[in-house]
Amino acid sequence: MHHDHAREEYEPYEDHGYDDHLVSADGHQEDRSRRRSRRIWLVAIGGVFTTLLVVGGYGAYNVMTAVTGGSTAGGGGADPTASKGPQTPPSAEQADAVAKDFLAAWGRGDLTVAAGLTDRPEAARMALTSFHDGVSARSLTLSGTGPAPAGTPAEPAVGYRVRAEFDGTTETWEYESTLGVVRASDGRVLVRWAPTVVHPKLGAGRTIAVKALPDPVSKPADRKGRSLEAFPSLRSVLPQIAPPDGAKVVTGQAVVLSGGGQEAEQLFVLTPPTAPQVKLTLDADLQQVAEEAVKQQSAGGKPASLVAIQPSTGNILAMAYAPQDGFNRAVGGGQPPGSTMKVITAAALLEAGVTPDAAAPCKETTNSPRSWHNDEGGNHLDYTLSDDFIHSCNTGFIDKGLEKLQLNTLTSVARDQFGLGLQWRIGIPSRDATIPVPGNKDEAAAEYIGQGQIQVNSLAMASVAATVQSGTFRQPVLREDAKRVTAPGKLPGDVAQGLRSMMARTATQGTARTPMSGLSGQIGAKTGTVEAGSSQATNSWFIAYRNDLAVAAEVEGGGHGNSAAGVAAAQVLKAGGKG
């Protein structure tokens, strides 16, 4: 009966849960025949239990378990820790030993073996497999760090450290956690399974896996590398900036904790997402001034815009507009520019042989046959072309234009010398100027003074001022790698000089003298006032330059050119055109 009793006590190992194999602490497996032969051998020698050390099993701490028996609970089986009477709590040495075996099996990928060392093998196997497949580390090193303060006498805890290395990066993910150790009802010492054994933040229904991060969004900077994100007028502009041609956008990866109805959390970034930074031609300091100038002149809900350009390069240094509803009227708008167009009309007349001091009487009214008048009444029959320019005389320009120019001349000069009407690619979507060939003298007369079917914006007219200042059309760009177009022709030197002299007189003696007052250096300006209808206030336009800075501004319903638009433009010139 003694031998039979020994067999009954050992028999439960036949139902260990691994089918025909017994799993030892070091991960080796023994088949059923070897186990059966050992059992028979034990029967033969009775109670010589010390020889069981050769069996291995879960280590020396579990020797008595192999003799006293007890089945291992599966995922849906009975809890092996369910009390069947008083149990001696695991010793610190036993806790450390089972933790060491568990971590070793987990680290080398023997997940079934590791799960078998817990009190809930199936739940542990599923969680460890999910972690293994989701994280997919090149190597996983787990090491015990000794007893953890979270333990109790009945359930000691062991701390451990996880170190994971990954392909494609030198970054190493490390974290620490703890596991509890219990003695099962059958006497075995096991890891108390909980999701936090995998990671201290892992909970029910949640998973840990390496996932791709959202594609990075390029955050363009100004020409000095400074952030532009604080400027209201650029909120709709910056997202339109694409990376340079051929630049590589790197989609990052991170270890992410997700699921369980909770917001995903990045536990560790393997590779941060990167996008090449684009430096725009904008200048943050000047942009700030432009934003404030437009804000002041658009008070009361008046739409407005301003663009500043560097004549020597064509680089756009500032752009601002209101309302800031996403539509960038500074580069996307289209409206008649009023008398600022007289810069191009004057260029056409100068090319046609009319000199700045040539007689060009300013009559109170004239006909084309449509009747035209000036902002100010009275006849000034002694005016020259330069006088007409600085006082913005409509009738003088209409009469001289109808006398000296062909119907298509203004369109040709605007395109060939000033680049207006060409397809510009500034780096973001923009609207090109439209200066159609007039169909009759009435339409031509309207275009000579910047009305009729002409459609431009602050970008186009700032370029006109820049072309006069430098003598050469340089297509405006927002980024230096933008593909520029060149004008078919070039502004003749004497024409450029004549325009500069007339714009300088306008800034010091003419309609632009008030806003330009106090500005030093090489200066020039031209005002524009556009009639928007008998019941509406006129639209204010102003173009000017100071040294290597050219500006155009417009304020819808802003009145005369030397008021709203002129004030805004002068603020920018004062801040940035010092040379």
Protein backbone atom coordinates (compact mmCIF):
# COMPACT_ATOMS: atom_id res chain seq x y z
CA MET A 1 0.00 0.00 0.00
CA HIS A 2 2.90 2.27 0.53
CA HIS A 3 3.91 1.98 -3.13
CA ASP A 4 0.34 2.54 -4.25
CA HIS A 5 0.12 5.64 -2.11
CA ALA A 6 3.29 7.02 -3.64
CA ARG A 7 1.85 6.45 -7.13
CA GLU A 8 -1.41 8.22 -6.22
CA GLU A 9 0.45 11.20 -4.90
CA TYR A 10 2.60 11.54 -8.06
CA GLU A 11 -0.15 10.61 -10.52
CA PRO A 12 -1.52 14.20 -10.95
CA TYR A 13 1.67 15.15 -12.86
CA GLU A 14 0.25 13.05 -15.73
CA ASP A 15 -2.26 15.89 -16.27
CA HIS A 16 0.27 18.75 -16.32
CA GLY A 17 -1.36 20.50 -19.26
CA TYR A 18 1.44 20.10 -21.86
CA ASP A 19 0.08 16.84 -23.44
CA ASP A 20 2.98 14.38 -23.85
CA HIS A 21 5.72 16.59 -22.48
CA LEU A 22 6.89 17.74 -19.09
CA VAL A 23 8.40 21.25 -18.98
CA SER A 24 11.40 21.75 -16.76
CA ALA A 25 12.57 25.06 -15.31
CA ASP A 26 15.22 25.48 -17.97
CA GLY A 27 12.69 25.04 -20.78
CA HIS A 28 13.48 21.34 -21.67
CA GLN A 29 10.69 18.87 -22.19
CA GLU A 30 10.47 15.21 -21.31
CA ASP A 31 8.09 12.78 -22.96
CA ARG A 32 5.46 10.70 -21.15
CA SER A 33 7.43 7.44 -21.39
CA ARG A 34 10.37 8.91 -19.47
CA ARG A 35 7.98 10.27 -16.87
CA ARG A 36 6.25 6.92 -16.54
CA SER A 37 9.57 5.10 -16.12
CA ARG A 38 10.53 7.47 -13.36
CA ARG A 39 7.24 6.90 -11.61
CA ILE A 40 7.75 3.13 -11.71
CA TRP A 41 11.26 3.61 -10.37
CA LEU A 42 9.87 5.63 -7.52
CA VAL A 43 7.39 2.89 -6.73
CA ALA A 44 10.22 0.40 -6.59
CA ILE A 45 12.25 2.36 -4.07
CA GLY A 46 9.39 3.66 -1.99
CA GLY A 47 9.98 6.88 -0.13
CA VAL A 48 13.51 7.77 -1.17
CA PHE A 49 12.33 11.23 -2.19
CA THR A 50 15.71 12.92 -2.30
CA THR A 51 16.46 11.19 -5.58
CA LEU A 52 13.72 13.33 -7.19
CA LEU A 53 16.30 16.09 -7.63
CA VAL A 54 17.20 14.52 -10.97
CA VAL A 55 13.70 15.22 -12.31
CA GLY A 56 14.29 19.00 -12.52
CA GLY A 57 10.70 20.22 -12.87
CA TYR A 58 10.43 23.79 -11.57
CA GLY A 59 13.72 23.73 -9.67
CA ALA A 60 14.90 22.65 -6.28
CA TYR A 61 12.26 24.82 -4.58
CA ASN A 62 9.56 22.62 -6.16
CA VAL A 63 10.90 19.19 -5.27
CA MET A 64 8.13 18.43 -2.80
CA THR A 65 5.50 19.53 -5.32
CA ALA A 66 6.45 16.74 -7.71
CA VAL A 67 5.91 14.25 -4.90
CA THR A 68 2.81 15.67 -3.27
CA GLY A 69 1.06 16.24 -6.63
CA GLY A 70 -1.69 18.72 -7.66
CA SER A 71 -2.87 19.57 -11.19
CA THR A 72 -1.90 22.76 -13.06
CA ALA A 73 -4.85 25.00 -13.83
CA GLY A 74 -5.46 25.92 -17.47
CA GLY A 75 -7.06 29.11 -18.74
CA GLY A 76 -10.50 27.94 -17.74
CA GLY A 77 -9.51 25.45 -15.03
CA ALA A 78 -9.54 25.73 -11.31
CA ASP A 79 -7.31 28.27 -9.64
CA PRO A 80 -4.30 26.36 -8.31
CA THR A 81 -4.01 28.92 -5.53
CA ALA A 82 -7.47 28.08 -4.21
CA SER A 83 -6.99 27.09 -0.60
CA LYS A 84 -7.01 23.41 0.28
CA GLY A 85 -5.79 24.02 3.75
CA PRO A 86 -2.98 26.04 5.34
CA GLN A 87 -0.03 26.69 2.99
CA THR A 88 3.44 27.85 3.88
CA PRO A 89 4.06 31.21 2.12
CA PRO A 90 6.81 31.16 -0.51
CA SER A 91 10.18 32.07 0.85
CA ALA A 92 12.18 34.90 -0.63
CA GLU A 93 14.50 32.37 -2.22
CA GLN A 94 11.60 30.47 -3.78
CA ALA A 95 10.03 33.70 -5.07
CA ASP A 96 13.32 34.78 -6.59
CA ALA A 97 13.83 31.37 -8.18
CA VAL A 98 10.43 31.16 -9.88
CA ALA A 99 10.70 34.79 -11.00
CA LYS A 100 14.12 34.05 -12.49
CA ASP A 101 12.80 31.04 -14.40
CA PHE A 102 9.72 32.95 -15.59
CA LEU A 103 11.74 35.92 -16.83
CA ALA A 104 14.30 33.69 -18.53
CA ALA A 105 11.61 31.79 -20.42
CA TRP A 106 9.82 34.99 -21.40
CA GLY A 107 13.04 36.62 -22.55
CA ARG A 108 14.07 33.74 -24.84
CA GLY A 109 10.57 33.50 -26.32
CA ASP A 110 9.44 30.27 -24.60
CA LEU A 111 6.07 31.81 -23.87
CA THR A 112 4.24 28.55 -23.13
CA VAL A 113 6.92 27.63 -20.62
CA ALA A 114 6.74 31.10 -19.06
CA ALA A 115 2.94 30.92 -18.90
CA GLY A 116 3.16 27.53 -17.22
CA LEU A 117 5.01 29.13 -14.37
CA THR A 118 2.00 31.31 -13.54
CA ASP A 119 -1.26 30.59 -11.77
CA ARG A 120 -3.25 31.38 -14.95
CA PRO A 121 -1.32 29.77 -17.79
CA GLU A 122 -3.75 30.42 -20.63
CA ALA A 123 -4.35 34.07 -19.79
CA ALA A 124 -0.61 34.56 -19.38
CA ARG A 125 0.19 32.81 -22.65
CA MET A 126 -2.25 35.00 -24.58
CA ALA A 127 -0.96 38.23 -23.04
CA LEU A 128 2.71 37.34 -23.49
CA THR A 129 2.09 36.27 -27.10
CA SER A 130 0.24 39.52 -27.84
CA PHE A 131 3.13 41.51 -26.38
CA HIS A 132 5.74 39.44 -28.21
CA ASP A 133 4.00 39.78 -31.59
CA GLY A 134 3.02 43.41 -31.16
CA VAL A 135 6.36 44.74 -29.94
CA SER A 136 8.47 42.44 -32.13
CA ALA A 137 11.73 43.36 -30.42
CA ARG A 138 15.02 42.14 -31.84
CA SER A 139 16.06 41.14 -28.34
CA LEU A 140 14.31 41.14 -24.99
CA THR A 141 16.35 41.00 -21.80
CA LEU A 142 14.59 40.59 -18.47
CA SER A 143 16.43 40.62 -15.17
CA GLY A 144 15.29 40.52 -11.57
CA THR A 145 16.04 43.45 -9.32
CA GLY A 146 15.26 41.79 -6.00
CA PRO A 147 12.36 41.85 -3.55
CA ALA A 148 9.82 44.59 -4.22
CA PRO A 149 8.12 46.59 -1.46
CA ALA A 150 4.71 45.81 -3.01
CA GLY A 151 4.89 42.26 -1.67
CA THR A 152 3.33 40.73 1.45
CA PRO A 153 4.40 37.79 3.64
CA ALA A 154 1.80 35.61 1.94
CA GLU A 155 2.63 36.90 -1.56
CA PRO A 156 6.15 38.21 -1.92
CA ALA A 157 6.87 40.47 -4.90
CA VAL A 158 9.93 40.52 -7.11
CA GLY A 159 11.01 43.53 -9.10
CA TYR A 160 12.41 43.18 -12.58
CA ARG A 161 13.72 45.28 -15.45
CA VAL A 162 12.82 44.90 -19.13
CA ARG A 163 15.22 45.98 -21.85
CA ALA A 164 14.06 45.76 -25.47
CA GLU A 165 16.15 46.45 -28.57
CA PHE A 166 14.72 46.90 -32.06
CA ASP A 167 15.81 46.61 -35.66
CA GLY A 168 16.39 49.89 -37.49
CA THR A 169 17.17 52.00 -34.44
CA THR A 170 19.76 52.31 -31.71
CA GLU A 171 17.11 53.37 -29.21
CA THR A 172 16.54 50.98 -26.31
CA TRP A 173 13.25 50.74 -24.46
CA GLU A 174 13.64 50.05 -20.76
CA TYR A 175 11.11 49.93 -17.96
CA GLU A 176 10.63 48.30 -14.57
CA SER A 177 7.73 46.35 -13.09
CA THR A 178 6.97 43.80 -10.37
CA LEU A 179 5.38 40.39 -10.17
CA GLY A 180 3.77 38.65 -7.23
CA VAL A 181 4.59 35.09 -6.23
CA VAL A 182 2.14 32.70 -4.55
CA ARG A 183 2.08 29.10 -3.39
CA ALA A 184 -0.61 27.10 -5.13
CA SER A 185 -2.92 24.74 -3.29
CA ASP A 186 -0.89 21.88 -4.69
CA GLY A 187 2.24 23.30 -3.09
CA ARG A 188 3.87 24.76 -6.20
CA VAL A 189 5.32 28.24 -6.17
CA LEU A 190 3.94 30.27 -9.11
CA VAL A 191 3.88 33.79 -10.52
CA ARG A 192 0.60 35.48 -9.70
CA TRP A 193 -0.63 36.45 -13.17
CA ALA A 194 -1.95 39.96 -13.91
CA PRO A 195 -1.66 42.15 -17.04
CA THR A 196 0.70 44.42 -15.11
CA VAL A 197 3.27 41.62 -15.15
CA VAL A 198 3.85 42.55 -18.82
CA HIS A 199 3.91 46.30 -18.18
CA PRO A 200 2.82 48.33 -15.14
CA LYS A 201 0.32 50.30 -17.28
CA LEU A 202 -1.22 47.34 -19.06
CA GLY A 203 -4.82 46.70 -18.11
CA ALA A 204 -7.66 44.46 -19.20
CA GLY A 205 -8.58 44.84 -22.86
CA ARG A 206 -5.46 46.88 -23.66
CA THR A 207 -2.54 45.95 -25.87
CA ILE A 208 1.04 47.10 -26.34
CA ALA A 209 2.43 47.20 -29.86
CA VAL A 210 4.79 49.12 -32.12
CA LYS A 211 2.73 51.42 -34.34
CA ALA A 212 3.43 54.02 -36.99
CA LEU A 213 3.05 57.61 -35.85
CA PRO A 214 1.03 60.10 -37.91
CA ASP A 215 2.92 61.56 -40.83
CA PRO A 216 4.84 64.62 -39.67
CA VAL A 217 3.68 68.03 -40.74
CA SER A 218 6.38 70.39 -41.88
CA LYS A 219 6.53 73.54 -39.82
CA PRO A 220 8.08 76.19 -42.03
CA ALA A 221 10.25 78.86 -40.45
CA ASP A 222 11.19 82.35 -41.54
CA ARG A 223 14.41 83.09 -43.39
CA LYS A 224 16.33 83.08 -40.10
CA GLY A 225 14.79 79.83 -38.87
CA ARG A 226 12.31 81.50 -36.52
CA SER A 227 8.82 80.14 -35.97
CA LEU A 228 5.93 81.64 -37.93
CA GLU A 229 3.10 79.78 -36.21
CA ALA A 230 1.99 82.72 -34.07
CA PHE A 231 1.00 84.95 -37.01
CA PRO A 232 -2.75 84.92 -37.78
CA SER A 233 -2.30 85.67 -41.50
CA LEU A 234 -0.06 82.62 -41.92
CA ARG A 235 -2.38 80.03 -40.37
CA SER A 236 -3.77 79.10 -43.76
CA VAL A 237 -0.41 79.58 -45.50
CA LEU A 238 1.90 77.27 -43.54
CA PRO A 239 -0.09 74.05 -44.11
CA GLN A 240 0.22 74.69 -47.87
CA ILE A 241 4.01 74.51 -47.76
CA ALA A 242 5.20 71.18 -49.15
CA PRO A 243 8.63 69.68 -48.41
CA PRO A 244 11.38 70.40 -50.97
CA ASP A 245 11.43 68.22 -54.05
CA GLY A 246 13.12 64.92 -53.24
CA ALA A 247 13.07 65.54 -49.50
CA LYS A 248 12.30 62.47 -47.43
CA VAL A 249 9.53 62.52 -44.89
CA VAL A 250 10.16 59.91 -42.19
CA THR A 251 7.12 58.32 -40.60
CA GLY A 252 8.02 57.58 -36.99
CA GLN A 253 7.30 54.53 -34.87
CA ALA A 254 6.47 54.20 -31.21
CA VAL A 255 5.52 51.56 -28.67
CA VAL A 256 1.88 52.39 -28.05
CA LEU A 257 -0.52 51.32 -25.30
CA SER A 258 -4.05 51.26 -26.75
CA GLY A 259 -7.51 49.73 -26.50
CA GLY A 260 -9.85 49.26 -23.59
CA GLY A 261 -11.88 52.32 -24.54
CA GLN A 262 -9.07 54.64 -23.45
CA GLU A 263 -6.95 57.12 -25.32
CA ALA A 264 -3.81 55.65 -26.84
CA GLU A 265 -0.56 56.45 -25.01
CA GLN A 266 2.95 56.47 -26.40
CA LEU A 267 5.17 54.48 -24.06
CA PHE A 268 8.36 54.87 -26.05
CA VAL A 269 9.31 56.53 -29.36
CA LEU A 270 11.53 54.31 -31.49
CA THR A 271 11.98 56.67 -34.42
CA PRO A 272 10.58 60.20 -34.24
CA PRO A 273 8.73 61.45 -37.30
CA THR A 274 10.75 63.97 -39.24
CA ALA A 275 9.97 66.33 -42.06
CA PRO A 276 12.56 68.61 -43.66
CA GLN A 277 12.12 72.14 -42.41
CA VAL A 278 11.46 74.68 -45.11
CA LYS A 279 12.80 78.18 -44.58
CA LEU A 280 10.47 80.68 -46.17
CA THR A 281 11.58 84.08 -47.40
CA LEU A 282 9.40 85.76 -44.78
CA ASP A 283 10.95 87.85 -42.04
CA ALA A 284 9.27 87.33 -38.67
CA ASP A 285 10.01 90.88 -37.49
CA LEU A 286 8.52 92.50 -40.58
CA GLN A 287 5.61 90.06 -40.56
CA GLN A 288 4.71 91.25 -37.07
CA VAL A 289 4.63 94.87 -38.26
CA ALA A 290 2.55 93.94 -41.31
CA GLU A 291 0.05 92.03 -39.17
CA GLU A 292 -0.40 95.03 -36.86
CA ALA A 293 -0.68 97.52 -39.74
CA VAL A 294 -3.42 95.51 -41.45
CA LYS A 295 -5.22 94.93 -38.15
CA GLN A 296 -5.36 98.68 -37.52
CA GLN A 297 -6.62 99.61 -41.00
CA SER A 298 -9.17 96.79 -41.17
CA ALA A 299 -10.90 97.90 -37.97
CA GLY A 300 -14.63 97.94 -38.41
CA GLY A 301 -14.59 94.95 -40.73
CA LYS A 302 -12.93 96.50 -43.78
CA PRO A 303 -11.13 93.85 -45.88
CA ALA A 304 -7.44 94.66 -46.32
CA SER A 305 -4.10 93.18 -47.32
CA LEU A 306 -0.41 94.02 -47.55
CA VAL A 307 2.63 92.40 -49.16
CA ALA A 308 6.28 93.39 -48.73
CA ILE A 309 8.97 92.30 -51.22
CA GLN A 310 12.74 92.63 -51.41
CA PRO A 311 13.39 94.17 -54.88
CA SER A 312 16.93 92.81 -55.20
CA THR A 313 15.74 89.19 -54.87
CA GLY A 314 11.97 89.09 -55.32
CA ASN A 315 11.70 87.44 -51.90
CA ILE A 316 8.39 88.00 -50.13
CA LEU A 317 9.24 89.34 -46.68
CA ALA A 318 5.73 89.78 -45.27
CA MET A 319 2.09 89.18 -46.16
CA ALA A 320 -0.92 90.00 -44.07
CA TYR A 321 -4.64 90.18 -44.71
CA ALA A 322 -8.03 90.61 -43.07
CA PRO A 323 -10.45 89.07 -42.46
CA GLN A 324 -8.41 86.02 -41.47
CA ASP A 325 -11.03 83.53 -42.59
CA GLY A 326 -8.68 81.32 -44.59
CA PHE A 327 -8.89 83.27 -47.84
CA ASN A 328 -5.57 84.99 -48.43
CA ARG A 329 -6.63 88.06 -50.37
CA ALA A 330 -3.04 89.35 -50.32
CA VAL A 331 -2.02 86.77 -52.93
CA GLY A 332 -5.35 85.28 -54.00
CA GLY A 333 -7.56 88.34 -54.38
CA GLY A 334 -8.36 90.22 -57.53
CA GLN A 335 -9.57 93.82 -57.94
CA PRO A 336 -8.76 96.99 -59.86
CA PRO A 337 -5.72 98.84 -58.43
CA GLY A 338 -6.81 102.38 -59.25
CA SER A 339 -4.15 104.95 -59.97
CA THR A 340 -1.29 102.71 -58.79
CA MET A 341 -1.70 101.28 -62.33
CA LYS A 342 -0.44 104.62 -63.65
CA VAL A 343 3.09 103.35 -62.94
CA ILE A 344 2.67 100.86 -65.82
CA THR A 345 0.79 103.37 -67.99
CA ALA A 346 3.62 105.84 -67.43
CA ALA A 347 6.16 103.13 -68.36
CA ALA A 348 4.28 102.54 -71.63
CA LEU A 349 4.19 106.27 -72.38
CA LEU A 350 7.91 106.65 -71.61
CA GLU A 351 8.67 103.76 -73.96
CA ALA A 352 6.50 105.46 -76.57
CA GLY A 353 8.77 108.53 -76.41
CA VAL A 354 6.88 110.73 -73.93
CA THR A 355 9.33 112.25 -71.45
CA PRO A 356 8.48 113.06 -67.83
CA ASP A 357 8.55 116.79 -68.57
CA ALA A 358 6.45 116.54 -71.73
CA ALA A 359 3.24 118.58 -71.74
CA ALA A 360 0.21 116.58 -70.58
CA PRO A 361 -2.60 119.01 -69.62
CA CYS A 362 -4.81 117.95 -66.77
CA LYS A 363 -8.31 118.95 -67.81
CA GLU A 364 -11.24 118.91 -65.43
CA THR A 365 -13.01 116.37 -67.64
CA THR A 366 -12.25 114.47 -70.84
CA ASN A 367 -14.01 111.97 -73.08
CA SER A 368 -13.12 108.63 -74.64
CA PRO A 369 -16.08 109.10 -75.68
CA ARG A 370 -17.11 108.18 -72.09
CA SER A 371 -16.82 111.14 -69.76
CA TRP A 372 -13.97 111.07 -67.20
CA HIS A 373 -13.06 113.39 -64.32
CA ASN A 374 -10.48 113.75 -61.54
CA ASP A 375 -10.80 113.49 -57.77
CA GLU A 376 -10.18 117.20 -57.56
CA GLY A 377 -11.92 119.69 -59.79
CA GLY A 378 -10.34 122.36 -61.95
CA ASN A 379 -8.10 122.55 -64.99
CA HIS A 380 -4.31 122.30 -64.79
CA LEU A 381 -3.38 122.83 -68.39
CA ASP A 382 0.28 123.47 -67.63
CA TYR A 383 0.89 120.03 -66.18
CA THR A 384 3.59 117.75 -67.50
CA LEU A 385 3.42 113.95 -67.48
CA SER A 386 5.35 114.02 -64.19
CA ASP A 387 2.83 116.52 -62.76
CA ASP A 388 -0.05 114.30 -63.83
CA PHE A 389 1.68 111.39 -62.09
CA ILE A 390 2.42 113.04 -58.76
CA HIS A 391 -1.07 114.61 -58.56
CA SER A 392 -2.73 111.48 -59.98
CA CYS A 393 -4.55 113.25 -62.80
CA ASN A 394 -6.88 110.84 -64.58
CA THR A 395 -7.70 113.03 -67.59
CA GLY A 396 -4.06 113.74 -68.41
CA PHE A 397 -3.21 110.00 -68.49
CA ILE A 398 -6.32 109.10 -70.47
CA ASP A 399 -5.69 111.78 -73.11
CA LYS A 400 -1.99 110.97 -73.47
CA GLY A 401 -2.67 107.21 -73.49
CA LEU A 402 -5.33 107.44 -76.20
CA GLU A 403 -2.96 109.65 -78.20
CA LYS A 404 0.24 107.60 -77.93
CA LEU A 405 -0.66 103.96 -77.19
CA GLN A 406 -2.23 101.10 -79.11
CA LEU A 407 -5.09 99.16 -77.55
CA ASN A 408 -2.78 96.26 -76.68
CA THR A 409 0.20 98.31 -75.48
CA LEU A 410 -0.63 98.38 -71.79
CA THR A 411 -1.15 94.62 -71.69
CA SER A 412 2.17 94.01 -73.44
CA VAL A 413 4.20 96.33 -71.23
CA ALA A 414 2.62 94.90 -68.08
CA ARG A 415 3.55 91.37 -69.16
CA ASP A 416 6.92 91.92 -70.84
CA GLN A 417 8.54 94.34 -68.41
CA PHE A 418 6.61 93.80 -65.16
CA GLY A 419 5.73 90.10 -65.39
CA LEU A 420 2.01 90.73 -64.83
CA GLY A 421 -0.14 88.15 -66.57
CA LEU A 422 2.53 85.45 -66.45
CA GLN A 423 2.04 82.28 -64.37
CA TRP A 424 3.76 82.78 -61.05
CA ARG A 425 4.61 79.90 -58.75
CA ILE A 426 5.45 81.57 -55.48
CA GLY A 427 5.34 78.45 -53.29
CA ILE A 428 1.63 78.52 -52.41
CA PRO A 429 -1.46 78.96 -54.60
CA SER A 430 -1.79 82.53 -55.83
CA ARG A 431 -3.79 84.46 -58.39
CA ASP A 432 -2.02 85.89 -61.39
CA ALA A 433 -2.75 89.41 -62.58
CA THR A 434 -5.30 89.89 -65.35
CA ILE A 435 -4.81 92.86 -67.67
CA PRO A 436 -6.88 92.11 -70.75
CA VAL A 437 -6.49 93.84 -74.10
CA PRO A 438 -9.27 96.43 -74.22
CA GLY A 439 -11.86 96.15 -76.96
CA ASN A 440 -12.40 99.89 -77.45
CA LYS A 441 -11.21 103.33 -76.33
CA ASP A 442 -13.56 103.44 -73.35
CA GLU A 443 -12.10 100.19 -72.03
CA ALA A 444 -8.58 101.42 -72.76
CA ALA A 445 -9.21 104.67 -70.90
CA ALA A 446 -10.42 102.73 -67.86
CA GLU A 447 -7.31 100.55 -67.84
CA TYR A 448 -4.95 103.53 -68.12
CA ILE A 449 -6.14 104.66 -64.68
CA GLY A 450 -6.37 101.16 -63.15
CA GLN A 451 -10.06 100.45 -63.50
CA GLY A 452 -12.19 98.43 -65.90
CA GLN A 453 -11.42 94.72 -66.23
CA ILE A 454 -8.00 94.77 -64.54
CA GLN A 455 -7.67 92.31 -61.63
CA VAL A 456 -4.60 92.42 -59.38
CA ASN A 457 -3.74 92.00 -55.70
CA SER A 458 -1.21 93.32 -53.22
CA LEU A 459 1.32 90.70 -54.32
CA ALA A 460 1.22 91.86 -57.94
CA MET A 461 1.40 95.55 -57.14
CA ALA A 462 4.21 95.13 -54.59
CA SER A 463 6.11 93.49 -57.45
CA VAL A 464 5.43 96.54 -59.64
CA ALA A 465 7.01 98.82 -57.03
CA ALA A 466 9.93 96.40 -56.63
CA THR A 467 10.51 96.31 -60.40
CA VAL A 468 10.69 100.10 -60.53
CA GLN A 469 13.11 100.28 -57.59
CA SER A 470 15.55 97.69 -58.98
CA GLY A 471 14.89 98.20 -62.68
CA THR A 472 14.40 94.44 -63.16
CA PHE A 473 11.38 92.18 -62.75
CA ARG A 474 12.09 89.38 -60.30
CA GLN A 475 9.15 87.10 -59.76
CA PRO A 476 8.10 87.19 -56.11
CA VAL A 477 8.59 83.94 -54.21
CA LEU A 478 7.71 82.69 -50.75
CA ARG A 479 10.40 80.02 -50.84
CA GLU A 480 13.71 80.28 -52.60
CA ASP A 481 13.40 76.89 -54.31
CA ALA A 482 10.22 77.98 -56.10
CA LYS A 483 10.41 77.88 -59.89
CA ARG A 484 10.45 81.45 -61.11
CA VAL A 485 9.34 82.80 -64.44
CA THR A 486 11.19 85.57 -66.19
CA ALA A 487 9.63 88.43 -68.11
CA PRO A 488 10.04 88.29 -71.91
CA GLY A 489 11.53 91.78 -71.94
CA LYS A 490 13.34 94.20 -69.67
CA LEU A 491 12.47 97.63 -68.41
CA PRO A 492 14.71 100.06 -70.35
CA GLY A 493 17.13 101.94 -68.14
CA ASP A 494 15.85 105.41 -69.02
CA VAL A 495 12.27 104.27 -68.45
CA ALA A 496 13.15 102.86 -65.01
CA GLN A 497 14.96 106.08 -64.14
CA GLY A 498 12.00 108.18 -65.28
CA LEU A 499 9.59 106.11 -63.17
CA ARG A 500 11.82 106.41 -60.10
CA SER A 501 12.00 110.19 -60.46
CA MET A 502 8.20 110.49 -60.71
CA MET A 503 7.60 108.12 -57.77
CA ALA A 504 10.16 110.04 -55.70
CA ARG A 505 8.34 113.35 -56.43
CA THR A 506 5.02 111.70 -55.48
CA ALA A 507 6.50 110.63 -52.13
CA THR A 508 7.90 114.07 -51.32
CA GLN A 509 5.61 116.54 -53.13
CA GLY A 510 2.58 114.67 -54.39
CA THR A 511 -0.36 112.63 -53.12
CA ALA A 512 1.87 110.26 -51.08
CA ARG A 513 3.79 112.89 -49.17
CA THR A 514 1.80 112.62 -45.91
CA PRO A 515 2.26 108.88 -45.23
CA MET A 516 5.84 108.93 -46.58
CA SER A 517 6.83 111.92 -44.45
CA GLY A 518 9.95 111.33 -42.38
CA LEU A 519 11.21 108.33 -44.38
CA SER A 520 14.79 108.64 -45.56
CA GLY A 521 16.82 106.86 -48.20
CA GLN A 522 15.72 106.00 -51.73
CA ILE A 523 11.97 106.39 -51.60
CA GLY A 524 9.14 106.38 -54.09
CA ALA A 525 5.37 105.92 -53.96
CA LYS A 526 2.09 106.00 -55.86
CA THR A 527 -1.43 106.32 -54.48
CA GLY A 528 -4.59 104.77 -55.85
CA THR A 529 -8.26 105.44 -55.21
CA VAL A 530 -10.86 103.15 -56.76
CA GLU A 531 -14.50 104.04 -57.11
CA ALA A 532 -16.50 101.02 -55.99
CA GLY A 533 -19.97 102.47 -56.67
CA SER A 534 -21.87 105.64 -55.99
CA SER A 535 -23.11 104.45 -52.59
CA GLN A 536 -19.85 102.91 -51.41
CA ALA A 537 -16.66 104.35 -50.00
CA THR A 538 -13.70 104.24 -52.35
CA ASN A 539 -11.05 101.58 -52.06
CA SER A 540 -7.62 102.68 -50.87
CA TRP A 541 -4.44 101.53 -52.67
CA PHE A 542 -0.81 102.42 -52.07
CA ILE A 543 2.48 101.13 -53.49
CA ALA A 544 5.91 102.35 -52.42
CA TYR A 545 9.52 101.43 -51.83
CA ARG A 546 12.27 102.48 -49.49
CA ASN A 547 15.75 101.27 -50.38
CA ASP A 548 15.56 97.46 -50.80
CA LEU A 549 11.98 97.09 -49.59
CA ALA A 550 8.83 97.45 -51.68
CA VAL A 551 5.28 97.37 -50.29
CA ALA A 552 1.73 97.33 -51.62
CA ALA A 553 -1.37 97.70 -49.47
CA GLU A 554 -5.09 97.90 -50.15
CA VAL A 555 -8.05 98.58 -47.88
CA GLU A 556 -11.54 98.00 -49.23
CA GLY A 557 -13.68 100.99 -48.35
CA GLY A 558 -10.61 102.71 -46.91
CA GLY A 559 -11.03 105.99 -48.80
CA HIS A 560 -8.18 107.75 -50.57
CA GLY A 561 -4.92 105.93 -51.22
CA ASN A 562 -2.90 108.21 -48.98
CA SER A 563 -5.05 107.40 -45.97
CA ALA A 564 -5.70 103.78 -44.92
CA ALA A 565 -3.46 101.90 -47.36
CA GLY A 566 -0.78 104.57 -47.25
CA VAL A 567 -0.59 104.49 -43.46
CA ALA A 568 -0.26 100.70 -43.42
CA ALA A 569 2.44 100.64 -46.10
CA ALA A 570 4.43 103.42 -44.43
CA GLN A 571 4.46 101.52 -41.13
CA VAL A 572 6.19 98.59 -42.82
CA LEU A 573 8.62 100.80 -44.75
CA LYS A 574 9.57 102.60 -41.55
CA ALA A 575 10.32 99.29 -39.81
CA GLY A 576 12.15 97.50 -42.58
CA GLY A 577 13.42 99.76 -45.32
CA LYS A 578 16.38 101.33 -43.56
CA GLY A 579 18.88 99.87 -45.97
